[in-house]
Amino acid sequence: MLLSLEKKFLFIHVPKTAGSSITTTLAPYSLPKNKPLSRKITSHIPFPEAADKVYLRQHDTALHIRRKLGRIQFEDLYKFAVVRNPYEHAASYYRFLCQRTGHRHHKRTADLTFVQFLEHRAHNATPMDQSSFLVDRSGKLLVDQILRFEMLNISFSKLCSELDIPYTELPYQNMTKNRALDAFYCPESRALVERIYQRDFDNFGYKFPDTAQ
């Protein structure tokens, strides 16, 4: 998550969508994150605070940020996020948790097959899709622009122009070792992804990567 008062933008960081690369590039234009401990303690409480005082976490949702900033401050910002094909997102998230030994969910995930991992996510009471970071309670998108991971540098170049920021090609960070999607997907795993990410398919129009749009 990045908040800039200078350029009046808000970047919603959906996990596993090149957010670290965007953060590195746009951080110089954004508010520093070194807020007092008292602000961190109250960060979960949904009452509005001044934009230069509020403590916001890396993966806070757009809805939570709107509560913390208040509607007037929130609407005054140009809000954007990156999403990716749900089939790629699910596989990337699974690979990340299996490889990141220091992550609190590493051991549990590493002991699961991909199908078992998806079954666990499908039964989670909290939505596990990308849309959950970007919509209000009625399902309405709260961001002004969606950038697609698959053509990110092209979209990011246009965004920088709109924000009057010099364009720098994104340095991809936190990349996990890749495997072809064929190694992950069978009819069962595809059906689970279609269930977990139903709103993403509706909101962003993705299909399985061989026919991705």
N, C-alpha and C. Protein backbone atom coordinates (compact mmCIF):
# COMPACT_ATOMS: atom_id res chain seq x y z
N MET A 1 0.84 -1.18 0.00
CA MET A 1 0.00 0.00 0.00
C MET A 1 0.88 1.24 0.00
N LEU A 2 0.56 2.17 -0.86
CA LEU A 2 1.26 3.44 -0.91
C LEU A 2 0.25 4.57 -0.96
N LEU A 3 0.53 5.62 -0.20
CA LEU A 3 -0.33 6.80 -0.18
C LEU A 3 0.53 8.02 -0.45
N SER A 4 0.18 8.77 -1.48
CA SER A 4 0.93 9.97 -1.83
C SER A 4 0.02 11.19 -1.76
N LEU A 5 0.41 12.15 -0.94
CA LEU A 5 -0.30 13.42 -0.91
C LEU A 5 0.26 14.36 -1.98
N GLU A 6 1.53 14.18 -2.29
CA GLU A 6 2.18 15.01 -3.32
C GLU A 6 1.54 14.77 -4.69
N LYS A 7 1.36 13.49 -5.05
CA LYS A 7 0.80 13.14 -6.36
C LYS A 7 -0.66 12.69 -6.27
N LYS A 8 -1.18 12.64 -5.07
CA LYS A 8 -2.59 12.31 -4.82
C LYS A 8 -2.98 10.94 -5.41
N PHE A 9 -2.22 9.92 -5.04
CA PHE A 9 -2.58 8.57 -5.46
C PHE A 9 -2.58 7.63 -4.27
N LEU A 10 -3.30 6.53 -4.44
CA LEU A 10 -3.36 5.45 -3.45
C LEU A 10 -3.20 4.14 -4.20
N PHE A 11 -2.16 3.40 -3.85
CA PHE A 11 -1.92 2.09 -4.46
C PHE A 11 -2.37 1.01 -3.49
N ILE A 12 -3.34 0.21 -3.91
CA ILE A 12 -3.81 -0.93 -3.12
C ILE A 12 -2.98 -2.14 -3.51
N HIS A 13 -2.28 -2.71 -2.55
CA HIS A 13 -1.33 -3.79 -2.83
C HIS A 13 -2.01 -5.15 -2.64
N VAL A 14 -2.48 -5.73 -3.73
CA VAL A 14 -3.00 -7.10 -3.71
C VAL A 14 -1.81 -8.05 -3.68
N PRO A 15 -1.76 -9.01 -2.77
CA PRO A 15 -0.60 -9.91 -2.69
C PRO A 15 -0.35 -10.66 -3.99
N LYS A 16 0.93 -10.87 -4.31
CA LYS A 16 1.39 -11.65 -5.45
C LYS A 16 0.99 -11.04 -6.79
N THR A 17 1.06 -9.71 -6.88
CA THR A 17 0.75 -9.03 -8.14
C THR A 17 1.80 -7.98 -8.49
N ALA A 18 3.05 -8.24 -8.17
CA ALA A 18 4.17 -7.32 -8.44
C ALA A 18 4.08 -6.05 -7.60
N GLY A 19 3.41 -6.11 -6.49
CA GLY A 19 3.26 -4.93 -5.64
C GLY A 19 4.57 -4.43 -5.07
N SER A 20 5.50 -5.33 -4.78
CA SER A 20 6.80 -4.92 -4.23
C SER A 20 7.58 -4.09 -5.25
N SER A 21 7.45 -4.43 -6.53
CA SER A 21 8.14 -3.68 -7.57
C SER A 21 7.56 -2.27 -7.69
N ILE A 22 6.25 -2.16 -7.64
CA ILE A 22 5.60 -0.85 -7.71
C ILE A 22 5.96 -0.03 -6.48
N THR A 23 5.97 -0.68 -5.32
CA THR A 23 6.32 0.02 -4.09
C THR A 23 7.72 0.61 -4.16
N THR A 24 8.67 -0.16 -4.66
CA THR A 24 10.04 0.32 -4.79
C THR A 24 10.11 1.56 -5.69
N THR A 25 9.35 1.53 -6.77
CA THR A 25 9.40 2.61 -7.75
C THR A 25 8.69 3.88 -7.28
N LEU A 26 7.56 3.71 -6.59
CA LEU A 26 6.73 4.87 -6.22
C LEU A 26 6.93 5.34 -4.78
N ALA A 27 7.71 4.61 -4.00
CA ALA A 27 7.92 4.99 -2.59
C ALA A 27 8.46 6.41 -2.42
N PRO A 28 9.34 6.90 -3.30
CA PRO A 28 9.86 8.27 -3.11
C PRO A 28 8.78 9.35 -3.16
N TYR A 29 7.63 9.03 -3.76
CA TYR A 29 6.55 10.01 -3.86
C TYR A 29 5.48 9.80 -2.79
N SER A 30 5.70 8.83 -1.91
CA SER A 30 4.68 8.41 -0.96
C SER A 30 5.04 8.81 0.46
N LEU A 31 4.03 8.76 1.32
CA LEU A 31 4.25 9.08 2.73
C LEU A 31 5.12 8.00 3.38
N PRO A 32 6.01 8.37 4.28
CA PRO A 32 6.83 7.37 4.99
C PRO A 32 5.96 6.50 5.88
N LYS A 33 6.44 5.29 6.15
CA LYS A 33 5.67 4.34 6.94
C LYS A 33 6.09 4.31 8.41
N ASN A 34 7.03 5.14 8.79
CA ASN A 34 7.53 5.13 10.18
C ASN A 34 6.62 5.95 11.09
N LYS A 35 5.40 5.45 11.29
CA LYS A 35 4.44 6.12 12.16
C LYS A 35 4.66 5.69 13.61
N PRO A 36 4.21 6.50 14.58
CA PRO A 36 4.35 6.14 15.99
C PRO A 36 3.62 4.83 16.31
N LEU A 37 4.09 4.14 17.35
CA LEU A 37 3.49 2.88 17.76
C LEU A 37 2.01 3.06 18.08
N SER A 38 1.64 4.19 18.64
CA SER A 38 0.24 4.43 18.99
C SER A 38 -0.65 4.38 17.76
N ARG A 39 -0.15 4.87 16.62
CA ARG A 39 -0.92 4.82 15.38
C ARG A 39 -1.07 3.38 14.90
N LYS A 40 -0.02 2.58 15.08
CA LYS A 40 -0.09 1.18 14.68
C LYS A 40 -1.12 0.43 15.51
N ILE A 41 -1.16 0.73 16.80
CA ILE A 41 -2.10 0.06 17.70
C ILE A 41 -3.54 0.37 17.32
N THR A 42 -3.81 1.60 16.89
CA THR A 42 -5.18 2.00 16.55
C THR A 42 -5.52 1.75 15.08
N SER A 43 -4.61 1.13 14.33
CA SER A 43 -4.81 0.99 12.89
C SER A 43 -6.02 0.12 12.55
N HIS A 44 -6.40 -0.78 13.46
CA HIS A 44 -7.54 -1.66 13.19
C HIS A 44 -8.87 -0.99 13.50
N ILE A 45 -8.85 0.11 14.22
CA ILE A 45 -10.09 0.77 14.62
C ILE A 45 -10.60 1.62 13.46
N PRO A 46 -11.84 1.38 13.00
CA PRO A 46 -12.33 2.05 11.79
C PRO A 46 -12.85 3.46 12.02
N PHE A 47 -11.98 4.36 12.49
CA PHE A 47 -12.38 5.76 12.56
C PHE A 47 -11.40 6.59 11.73
N PRO A 48 -11.89 7.65 11.08
CA PRO A 48 -11.05 8.43 10.17
C PRO A 48 -9.90 9.14 10.88
N GLU A 49 -8.77 9.20 10.19
CA GLU A 49 -7.61 9.94 10.66
C GLU A 49 -7.04 10.75 9.50
N ALA A 50 -6.27 11.78 9.82
CA ALA A 50 -5.63 12.58 8.78
C ALA A 50 -4.68 11.71 7.96
N ALA A 51 -4.63 11.94 6.67
CA ALA A 51 -3.85 11.10 5.77
C ALA A 51 -2.37 11.05 6.15
N ASP A 52 -1.84 12.16 6.65
CA ASP A 52 -0.42 12.19 7.00
C ASP A 52 -0.13 11.59 8.37
N LYS A 53 -1.18 11.18 9.08
CA LYS A 53 -1.02 10.59 10.41
C LYS A 53 -1.37 9.10 10.45
N VAL A 54 -2.24 8.68 9.56
CA VAL A 54 -2.80 7.33 9.64
C VAL A 54 -1.73 6.27 9.39
N TYR A 55 -1.87 5.13 10.09
CA TYR A 55 -0.99 3.97 9.88
C TYR A 55 -1.76 2.96 9.04
N LEU A 56 -1.23 2.66 7.86
CA LEU A 56 -1.86 1.69 6.97
C LEU A 56 -0.88 0.56 6.70
N ARG A 57 -1.40 -0.68 6.70
CA ARG A 57 -0.56 -1.85 6.52
C ARG A 57 -0.39 -2.18 5.04
N GLN A 58 0.57 -3.03 4.76
CA GLN A 58 0.97 -3.34 3.39
C GLN A 58 -0.20 -3.83 2.53
N HIS A 59 -1.03 -4.70 3.10
CA HIS A 59 -2.10 -5.30 2.32
C HIS A 59 -3.49 -4.91 2.83
N ASP A 60 -3.63 -3.71 3.35
CA ASP A 60 -4.95 -3.24 3.75
C ASP A 60 -5.87 -3.16 2.54
N THR A 61 -7.15 -3.45 2.76
CA THR A 61 -8.12 -3.40 1.67
C THR A 61 -8.54 -1.96 1.39
N ALA A 62 -9.08 -1.75 0.21
CA ALA A 62 -9.58 -0.42 -0.15
C ALA A 62 -10.69 0.01 0.80
N LEU A 63 -11.53 -0.93 1.20
CA LEU A 63 -12.63 -0.60 2.10
C LEU A 63 -12.11 -0.13 3.46
N HIS A 64 -11.12 -0.84 3.99
CA HIS A 64 -10.54 -0.44 5.28
C HIS A 64 -9.87 0.93 5.17
N ILE A 65 -9.16 1.16 4.08
CA ILE A 65 -8.48 2.44 3.90
C ILE A 65 -9.50 3.57 3.80
N ARG A 66 -10.61 3.32 3.13
CA ARG A 66 -11.65 4.36 3.05
C ARG A 66 -12.18 4.69 4.44
N ARG A 67 -12.33 3.69 5.28
CA ARG A 67 -12.79 3.93 6.66
C ARG A 67 -11.75 4.75 7.43
N LYS A 68 -10.48 4.43 7.23
CA LYS A 68 -9.43 5.13 7.99
C LYS A 68 -9.21 6.57 7.50
N LEU A 69 -9.37 6.80 6.22
CA LEU A 69 -9.17 8.14 5.68
C LEU A 69 -10.43 8.98 5.70
N GLY A 70 -11.58 8.30 5.70
CA GLY A 70 -12.84 9.01 5.51
C GLY A 70 -13.12 9.15 4.02
N ARG A 71 -14.38 9.24 3.67
CA ARG A 71 -14.76 9.24 2.25
C ARG A 71 -14.19 10.44 1.49
N ILE A 72 -14.17 11.61 2.12
CA ILE A 72 -13.71 12.80 1.41
C ILE A 72 -12.24 12.68 1.02
N GLN A 73 -11.38 12.30 1.99
CA GLN A 73 -9.96 12.11 1.68
C GLN A 73 -9.76 10.98 0.68
N PHE A 74 -10.51 9.90 0.86
CA PHE A 74 -10.38 8.72 0.00
C PHE A 74 -10.72 9.07 -1.45
N GLU A 75 -11.84 9.76 -1.65
CA GLU A 75 -12.28 10.07 -3.00
C GLU A 75 -11.39 11.10 -3.68
N ASP A 76 -10.60 11.82 -2.91
CA ASP A 76 -9.72 12.84 -3.49
C ASP A 76 -8.45 12.22 -4.08
N LEU A 77 -8.26 10.92 -3.85
CA LEU A 77 -7.06 10.23 -4.33
C LEU A 77 -7.36 9.43 -5.60
N TYR A 78 -6.35 9.28 -6.46
CA TYR A 78 -6.46 8.41 -7.62
C TYR A 78 -6.04 7.01 -7.18
N LYS A 79 -6.97 6.09 -7.20
CA LYS A 79 -6.76 4.78 -6.59
C LYS A 79 -6.54 3.73 -7.68
N PHE A 80 -5.51 2.91 -7.51
CA PHE A 80 -5.23 1.88 -8.51
C PHE A 80 -4.68 0.63 -7.83
N ALA A 81 -4.74 -0.47 -8.57
CA ALA A 81 -4.26 -1.76 -8.08
C ALA A 81 -3.87 -2.62 -9.27
N VAL A 82 -3.14 -3.68 -9.00
CA VAL A 82 -2.77 -4.66 -10.03
C VAL A 82 -3.46 -5.97 -9.71
N VAL A 83 -4.00 -6.62 -10.74
CA VAL A 83 -4.54 -7.96 -10.59
C VAL A 83 -3.90 -8.84 -11.66
N ARG A 84 -4.03 -10.15 -11.47
CA ARG A 84 -3.49 -11.09 -12.45
C ARG A 84 -4.47 -12.23 -12.66
N ASN A 85 -4.21 -13.03 -13.67
CA ASN A 85 -5.08 -14.17 -13.95
C ASN A 85 -5.22 -15.03 -12.70
N PRO A 86 -6.45 -15.34 -12.27
CA PRO A 86 -6.64 -16.11 -11.03
C PRO A 86 -5.92 -17.46 -11.01
N TYR A 87 -5.82 -18.12 -12.17
CA TYR A 87 -5.10 -19.40 -12.21
C TYR A 87 -3.62 -19.18 -11.90
N GLU A 88 -3.06 -18.11 -12.44
CA GLU A 88 -1.67 -17.77 -12.14
C GLU A 88 -1.53 -17.31 -10.69
N HIS A 89 -2.49 -16.53 -10.22
CA HIS A 89 -2.41 -16.00 -8.86
C HIS A 89 -2.42 -17.14 -7.84
N ALA A 90 -3.31 -18.09 -8.01
CA ALA A 90 -3.40 -19.21 -7.06
C ALA A 90 -2.12 -20.02 -7.05
N ALA A 91 -1.58 -20.33 -8.24
CA ALA A 91 -0.35 -21.11 -8.31
C ALA A 91 0.83 -20.34 -7.74
N SER A 92 0.89 -19.03 -8.02
CA SER A 92 1.98 -18.20 -7.51
C SER A 92 1.94 -18.12 -5.99
N TYR A 93 0.74 -17.97 -5.44
CA TYR A 93 0.60 -17.87 -3.99
C TYR A 93 1.02 -19.18 -3.32
N TYR A 94 0.63 -20.30 -3.92
CA TYR A 94 1.01 -21.62 -3.39
C TYR A 94 2.53 -21.80 -3.44
N ARG A 95 3.14 -21.47 -4.59
CA ARG A 95 4.60 -21.58 -4.72
C ARG A 95 5.30 -20.71 -3.68
N PHE A 96 4.80 -19.50 -3.53
CA PHE A 96 5.40 -18.55 -2.58
C PHE A 96 5.41 -19.11 -1.17
N LEU A 97 4.27 -19.64 -0.72
CA LEU A 97 4.18 -20.16 0.64
C LEU A 97 5.03 -21.41 0.82
N CYS A 98 5.15 -22.23 -0.22
CA CYS A 98 5.97 -23.43 -0.13
C CYS A 98 7.46 -23.09 -0.06
N GLN A 99 7.87 -22.03 -0.72
CA GLN A 99 9.29 -21.68 -0.81
C GLN A 99 9.75 -20.73 0.28
N ARG A 100 8.83 -19.92 0.80
CA ARG A 100 9.21 -18.90 1.79
C ARG A 100 9.24 -19.53 3.18
N THR A 101 10.39 -20.07 3.57
CA THR A 101 10.49 -20.85 4.81
C THR A 101 10.19 -20.03 6.06
N GLY A 102 10.38 -18.73 6.00
CA GLY A 102 10.12 -17.91 7.17
C GLY A 102 8.68 -17.48 7.33
N HIS A 103 7.84 -17.78 6.36
CA HIS A 103 6.44 -17.36 6.43
C HIS A 103 5.68 -18.21 7.44
N ARG A 104 4.75 -17.59 8.14
CA ARG A 104 4.03 -18.32 9.20
C ARG A 104 3.17 -19.45 8.65
N HIS A 105 2.82 -19.42 7.36
CA HIS A 105 2.01 -20.49 6.78
C HIS A 105 2.85 -21.47 5.95
N HIS A 106 4.18 -21.33 6.01
CA HIS A 106 5.02 -22.16 5.15
C HIS A 106 4.87 -23.65 5.45
N LYS A 107 5.07 -24.04 6.69
CA LYS A 107 5.09 -25.47 7.02
C LYS A 107 3.76 -26.13 6.68
N ARG A 108 2.67 -25.47 7.04
CA ARG A 108 1.36 -26.05 6.77
C ARG A 108 1.12 -26.19 5.27
N THR A 109 1.52 -25.17 4.50
CA THR A 109 1.29 -25.22 3.06
C THR A 109 2.21 -26.22 2.38
N ALA A 110 3.46 -26.31 2.81
CA ALA A 110 4.42 -27.22 2.19
C ALA A 110 4.00 -28.67 2.33
N ASP A 111 3.18 -28.97 3.32
CA ASP A 111 2.71 -30.34 3.53
C ASP A 111 1.46 -30.66 2.71
N LEU A 112 0.95 -29.67 1.97
CA LEU A 112 -0.28 -29.86 1.20
C LEU A 112 0.00 -29.97 -0.29
N THR A 113 -0.80 -30.76 -0.99
CA THR A 113 -0.78 -30.70 -2.44
C THR A 113 -1.49 -29.42 -2.87
N PHE A 114 -1.37 -29.07 -4.13
CA PHE A 114 -2.03 -27.85 -4.62
C PHE A 114 -3.54 -27.95 -4.47
N VAL A 115 -4.09 -29.12 -4.75
CA VAL A 115 -5.54 -29.31 -4.60
C VAL A 115 -5.94 -29.16 -3.14
N GLN A 116 -5.18 -29.74 -2.23
CA GLN A 116 -5.49 -29.60 -0.80
C GLN A 116 -5.40 -28.14 -0.35
N PHE A 117 -4.41 -27.43 -0.86
CA PHE A 117 -4.26 -26.01 -0.56
C PHE A 117 -5.50 -25.24 -1.02
N LEU A 118 -5.97 -25.52 -2.22
CA LEU A 118 -7.16 -24.84 -2.75
C LEU A 118 -8.41 -25.23 -1.97
N GLU A 119 -8.51 -26.48 -1.57
CA GLU A 119 -9.67 -26.90 -0.78
C GLU A 119 -9.71 -26.15 0.54
N HIS A 120 -8.54 -25.96 1.16
CA HIS A 120 -8.48 -25.21 2.42
C HIS A 120 -8.94 -23.77 2.19
N ARG A 121 -8.47 -23.16 1.11
CA ARG A 121 -8.86 -21.78 0.81
C ARG A 121 -10.35 -21.69 0.49
N ALA A 122 -10.87 -22.68 -0.18
CA ALA A 122 -12.28 -22.65 -0.58
C ALA A 122 -13.20 -22.71 0.62
N HIS A 123 -12.74 -23.31 1.72
CA HIS A 123 -13.57 -23.44 2.91
C HIS A 123 -13.28 -22.35 3.94
N ASN A 124 -12.41 -21.42 3.60
CA ASN A 124 -12.11 -20.31 4.50
C ASN A 124 -13.27 -19.33 4.50
N ALA A 125 -13.70 -18.92 5.68
CA ALA A 125 -14.84 -18.01 5.79
C ALA A 125 -14.52 -16.63 5.22
N THR A 126 -13.24 -16.25 5.25
CA THR A 126 -12.82 -14.96 4.70
C THR A 126 -12.57 -15.10 3.21
N PRO A 127 -13.11 -14.22 2.37
CA PRO A 127 -12.87 -14.31 0.92
C PRO A 127 -11.37 -14.30 0.62
N MET A 128 -10.96 -15.16 -0.31
CA MET A 128 -9.54 -15.31 -0.62
C MET A 128 -9.20 -14.85 -2.04
N ASP A 129 -10.12 -14.11 -2.68
CA ASP A 129 -9.87 -13.66 -4.04
C ASP A 129 -9.19 -12.29 -4.04
N GLN A 130 -8.85 -11.81 -5.23
CA GLN A 130 -8.23 -10.49 -5.34
C GLN A 130 -9.26 -9.37 -5.16
N SER A 131 -10.49 -9.64 -5.58
CA SER A 131 -11.54 -8.63 -5.48
C SER A 131 -11.79 -8.20 -4.05
N SER A 132 -11.54 -9.09 -3.09
CA SER A 132 -11.80 -8.75 -1.69
C SER A 132 -10.96 -7.57 -1.22
N PHE A 133 -9.86 -7.29 -1.90
CA PHE A 133 -9.02 -6.14 -1.55
C PHE A 133 -9.53 -4.84 -2.18
N LEU A 134 -10.48 -4.96 -3.11
CA LEU A 134 -10.78 -3.82 -3.98
C LEU A 134 -12.24 -3.39 -3.99
N VAL A 135 -13.12 -4.10 -3.29
CA VAL A 135 -14.55 -3.81 -3.38
C VAL A 135 -15.12 -3.41 -2.03
N ASP A 136 -16.32 -2.78 -2.08
CA ASP A 136 -17.04 -2.50 -0.85
C ASP A 136 -17.95 -3.69 -0.52
N ARG A 137 -18.78 -3.54 0.47
CA ARG A 137 -19.61 -4.67 0.92
C ARG A 137 -20.65 -5.08 -0.12
N SER A 138 -20.99 -4.19 -1.02
CA SER A 138 -21.95 -4.52 -2.07
C SER A 138 -21.28 -5.12 -3.30
N GLY A 139 -19.95 -5.20 -3.29
CA GLY A 139 -19.21 -5.75 -4.41
C GLY A 139 -18.77 -4.72 -5.44
N LYS A 140 -19.00 -3.44 -5.16
CA LYS A 140 -18.60 -2.37 -6.09
C LYS A 140 -17.11 -2.09 -5.96
N LEU A 141 -16.44 -1.99 -7.10
CA LEU A 141 -15.01 -1.68 -7.10
C LEU A 141 -14.77 -0.27 -6.57
N LEU A 142 -13.79 -0.12 -5.70
CA LEU A 142 -13.48 1.17 -5.08
C LEU A 142 -12.26 1.84 -5.68
N VAL A 143 -11.66 1.23 -6.69
CA VAL A 143 -10.47 1.81 -7.31
C VAL A 143 -10.82 2.42 -8.66
N ASP A 144 -9.99 3.37 -9.08
CA ASP A 144 -10.23 4.07 -10.34
C ASP A 144 -9.62 3.36 -11.53
N GLN A 145 -8.57 2.59 -11.29
CA GLN A 145 -7.90 1.91 -12.40
C GLN A 145 -7.38 0.55 -11.95
N ILE A 146 -7.58 -0.45 -12.81
CA ILE A 146 -7.03 -1.79 -12.61
C ILE A 146 -5.93 -2.01 -13.64
N LEU A 147 -4.74 -2.31 -13.17
CA LEU A 147 -3.63 -2.66 -14.06
C LEU A 147 -3.52 -4.18 -14.09
N ARG A 148 -3.27 -4.72 -15.27
CA ARG A 148 -3.13 -6.17 -15.40
C ARG A 148 -1.66 -6.57 -15.32
N PHE A 149 -1.39 -7.56 -14.52
CA PHE A 149 -0.03 -8.07 -14.32
C PHE A 149 0.59 -8.49 -15.65
N GLU A 150 -0.23 -9.04 -16.54
CA GLU A 150 0.26 -9.62 -17.79
C GLU A 150 0.81 -8.56 -18.75
N MET A 151 0.43 -7.32 -18.60
CA MET A 151 0.95 -6.24 -19.44
C MET A 151 1.30 -5.04 -18.57
N LEU A 152 1.97 -5.34 -17.46
CA LEU A 152 2.11 -4.35 -16.40
C LEU A 152 2.98 -3.16 -16.79
N ASN A 153 4.13 -3.40 -17.42
CA ASN A 153 5.00 -2.28 -17.72
C ASN A 153 4.37 -1.29 -18.70
N ILE A 154 3.57 -1.79 -19.64
CA ILE A 154 2.87 -0.90 -20.56
C ILE A 154 1.85 -0.06 -19.80
N SER A 155 1.05 -0.72 -18.96
CA SER A 155 0.04 0.00 -18.18
C SER A 155 0.68 0.95 -17.17
N PHE A 156 1.78 0.51 -16.57
CA PHE A 156 2.45 1.33 -15.57
C PHE A 156 3.05 2.58 -16.20
N SER A 157 3.54 2.46 -17.42
CA SER A 157 4.08 3.62 -18.13
C SER A 157 2.99 4.68 -18.33
N LYS A 158 1.80 4.24 -18.72
CA LYS A 158 0.69 5.17 -18.91
C LYS A 158 0.26 5.78 -17.58
N LEU A 159 0.26 4.97 -16.53
CA LEU A 159 -0.11 5.48 -15.20
C LEU A 159 0.87 6.56 -14.75
N CYS A 160 2.15 6.32 -14.92
CA CYS A 160 3.16 7.30 -14.52
C CYS A 160 2.94 8.62 -15.26
N SER A 161 2.58 8.53 -16.53
CA SER A 161 2.31 9.74 -17.30
C SER A 161 1.12 10.50 -16.71
N GLU A 162 0.07 9.77 -16.34
CA GLU A 162 -1.11 10.40 -15.75
C GLU A 162 -0.80 11.05 -14.40
N LEU A 163 0.11 10.44 -13.65
CA LEU A 163 0.46 10.96 -12.32
C LEU A 163 1.60 11.97 -12.37
N ASP A 164 2.12 12.22 -13.57
CA ASP A 164 3.24 13.15 -13.75
C ASP A 164 4.47 12.68 -12.95
N ILE A 165 4.77 11.38 -13.14
CA ILE A 165 5.92 10.75 -12.50
C ILE A 165 6.81 10.16 -13.59
N PRO A 166 8.12 10.36 -13.54
CA PRO A 166 9.01 9.77 -14.55
C PRO A 166 8.87 8.24 -14.56
N TYR A 167 8.74 7.68 -15.75
CA TYR A 167 8.56 6.23 -15.86
C TYR A 167 9.90 5.50 -15.73
N THR A 168 9.90 4.47 -14.90
CA THR A 168 11.03 3.56 -14.76
C THR A 168 10.50 2.14 -14.91
N GLU A 169 11.13 1.36 -15.76
CA GLU A 169 10.69 -0.02 -15.93
C GLU A 169 10.74 -0.75 -14.60
N LEU A 170 9.67 -1.47 -14.30
CA LEU A 170 9.53 -2.09 -12.99
C LEU A 170 10.56 -3.19 -12.77
N PRO A 171 11.25 -3.17 -11.62
CA PRO A 171 12.15 -4.26 -11.25
C PRO A 171 11.36 -5.35 -10.55
N TYR A 172 11.16 -6.48 -11.19
CA TYR A 172 10.34 -7.52 -10.57
C TYR A 172 11.07 -8.10 -9.36
N GLN A 173 10.38 -8.08 -8.23
CA GLN A 173 10.97 -8.55 -6.97
C GLN A 173 10.13 -9.69 -6.40
N ASN A 174 10.72 -10.40 -5.44
CA ASN A 174 10.02 -11.49 -4.75
C ASN A 174 9.44 -12.50 -5.73
N MET A 175 10.15 -12.75 -6.82
CA MET A 175 9.67 -13.71 -7.80
C MET A 175 9.99 -15.13 -7.33
N THR A 176 8.99 -16.00 -7.30
CA THR A 176 9.22 -17.39 -6.93
C THR A 176 9.59 -18.18 -8.18
N LYS A 177 10.26 -19.30 -7.98
CA LYS A 177 10.65 -20.13 -9.11
C LYS A 177 9.40 -20.63 -9.83
N ASN A 178 9.40 -20.46 -11.15
CA ASN A 178 8.21 -20.71 -11.94
C ASN A 178 8.11 -22.17 -12.38
N ARG A 179 6.89 -22.62 -12.52
CA ARG A 179 6.59 -23.92 -13.12
C ARG A 179 5.41 -23.72 -14.04
N ALA A 180 5.36 -24.47 -15.12
CA ALA A 180 4.25 -24.36 -16.05
C ALA A 180 2.94 -24.66 -15.32
N LEU A 181 1.89 -23.95 -15.72
CA LEU A 181 0.60 -24.16 -15.07
C LEU A 181 0.09 -25.58 -15.26
N ASP A 182 0.50 -26.23 -16.34
CA ASP A 182 0.06 -27.61 -16.57
C ASP A 182 0.46 -28.52 -15.41
N ALA A 183 1.53 -28.16 -14.69
CA ALA A 183 1.97 -28.97 -13.56
C ALA A 183 1.04 -28.83 -12.37
N PHE A 184 0.21 -27.80 -12.36
CA PHE A 184 -0.68 -27.53 -11.23
C PHE A 184 -2.13 -27.92 -11.50
N TYR A 185 -2.54 -27.82 -12.77
CA TYR A 185 -3.98 -27.86 -13.00
C TYR A 185 -4.49 -29.16 -13.60
N CYS A 186 -5.59 -29.59 -12.98
CA CYS A 186 -6.38 -30.72 -13.40
C CYS A 186 -7.84 -30.25 -13.30
N PRO A 187 -8.80 -31.04 -13.72
CA PRO A 187 -10.20 -30.58 -13.62
C PRO A 187 -10.59 -30.16 -12.20
N GLU A 188 -10.09 -30.87 -11.19
CA GLU A 188 -10.46 -30.55 -9.81
C GLU A 188 -9.88 -29.20 -9.38
N SER A 189 -8.60 -28.98 -9.65
CA SER A 189 -7.98 -27.72 -9.23
C SER A 189 -8.54 -26.53 -10.01
N ARG A 190 -8.86 -26.73 -11.28
CA ARG A 190 -9.47 -25.65 -12.05
C ARG A 190 -10.83 -25.28 -11.48
N ALA A 191 -11.61 -26.29 -11.12
CA ALA A 191 -12.94 -26.03 -10.56
C ALA A 191 -12.84 -25.28 -9.23
N LEU A 192 -11.85 -25.63 -8.43
CA LEU A 192 -11.67 -24.95 -7.14
C LEU A 192 -11.28 -23.49 -7.34
N VAL A 193 -10.39 -23.22 -8.29
CA VAL A 193 -10.01 -21.83 -8.56
C VAL A 193 -11.21 -21.04 -9.07
N GLU A 194 -12.00 -21.65 -9.93
CA GLU A 194 -13.19 -20.97 -10.45
C GLU A 194 -14.19 -20.66 -9.34
N ARG A 195 -14.20 -21.49 -8.32
CA ARG A 195 -15.07 -21.24 -7.16
C ARG A 195 -14.50 -20.14 -6.27
N ILE A 196 -13.21 -20.23 -5.94
CA ILE A 196 -12.58 -19.27 -5.03
C ILE A 196 -12.54 -17.87 -5.64
N TYR A 197 -12.25 -17.81 -6.94
CA TYR A 197 -12.02 -16.53 -7.61
C TYR A 197 -13.20 -16.10 -8.49
N GLN A 198 -14.40 -16.57 -8.19
CA GLN A 198 -15.53 -16.27 -9.06
C GLN A 198 -15.69 -14.77 -9.31
N ARG A 199 -15.55 -13.96 -8.26
CA ARG A 199 -15.71 -12.52 -8.44
C ARG A 199 -14.62 -11.94 -9.33
N ASP A 200 -13.42 -12.51 -9.27
CA ASP A 200 -12.34 -12.02 -10.13
C ASP A 200 -12.64 -12.29 -11.59
N PHE A 201 -13.17 -13.47 -11.88
CA PHE A 201 -13.55 -13.77 -13.26
C PHE A 201 -14.64 -12.81 -13.73
N ASP A 202 -15.59 -12.52 -12.85
CA ASP A 202 -16.67 -11.60 -13.21
C ASP A 202 -16.16 -10.17 -13.37
N ASN A 203 -15.29 -9.73 -12.46
CA ASN A 203 -14.84 -8.34 -12.46
C ASN A 203 -13.77 -8.05 -13.52
N PHE A 204 -12.92 -9.03 -13.80
CA PHE A 204 -11.75 -8.74 -14.63
C PHE A 204 -11.70 -9.53 -15.94
N GLY A 205 -12.63 -10.46 -16.14
CA GLY A 205 -12.78 -11.12 -17.42
C GLY A 205 -11.72 -12.13 -17.81
N TYR A 206 -11.05 -12.71 -16.84
CA TYR A 206 -9.99 -13.67 -17.16
C TYR A 206 -10.54 -15.04 -17.54
N LYS A 207 -9.72 -15.78 -18.29
CA LYS A 207 -9.99 -17.18 -18.61
C LYS A 207 -8.70 -17.96 -18.35
N PHE A 208 -8.76 -19.28 -18.55
CA PHE A 208 -7.54 -20.07 -18.37
C PHE A 208 -6.48 -19.53 -19.33
N PRO A 209 -5.19 -19.46 -18.90
CA PRO A 209 -4.17 -18.72 -19.65
C PRO A 209 -4.02 -19.04 -21.12
N ASP A 210 -4.40 -20.23 -21.57
CA ASP A 210 -4.24 -20.51 -23.00
C ASP A 210 -5.20 -19.67 -23.85
N THR A 211 -6.24 -19.08 -23.19
CA THR A 211 -7.17 -18.19 -23.90
C THR A 211 -7.33 -16.89 -23.14
N ALA A 212 -6.31 -16.53 -22.31
CA ALA A 212 -6.43 -15.34 -21.47
C ALA A 212 -6.61 -14.09 -22.32
N GLN A 213 -7.38 -13.15 -21.77
CA GLN A 213 -7.62 -11.88 -22.44
C GLN A 213 -6.91 -10.77 -21.69
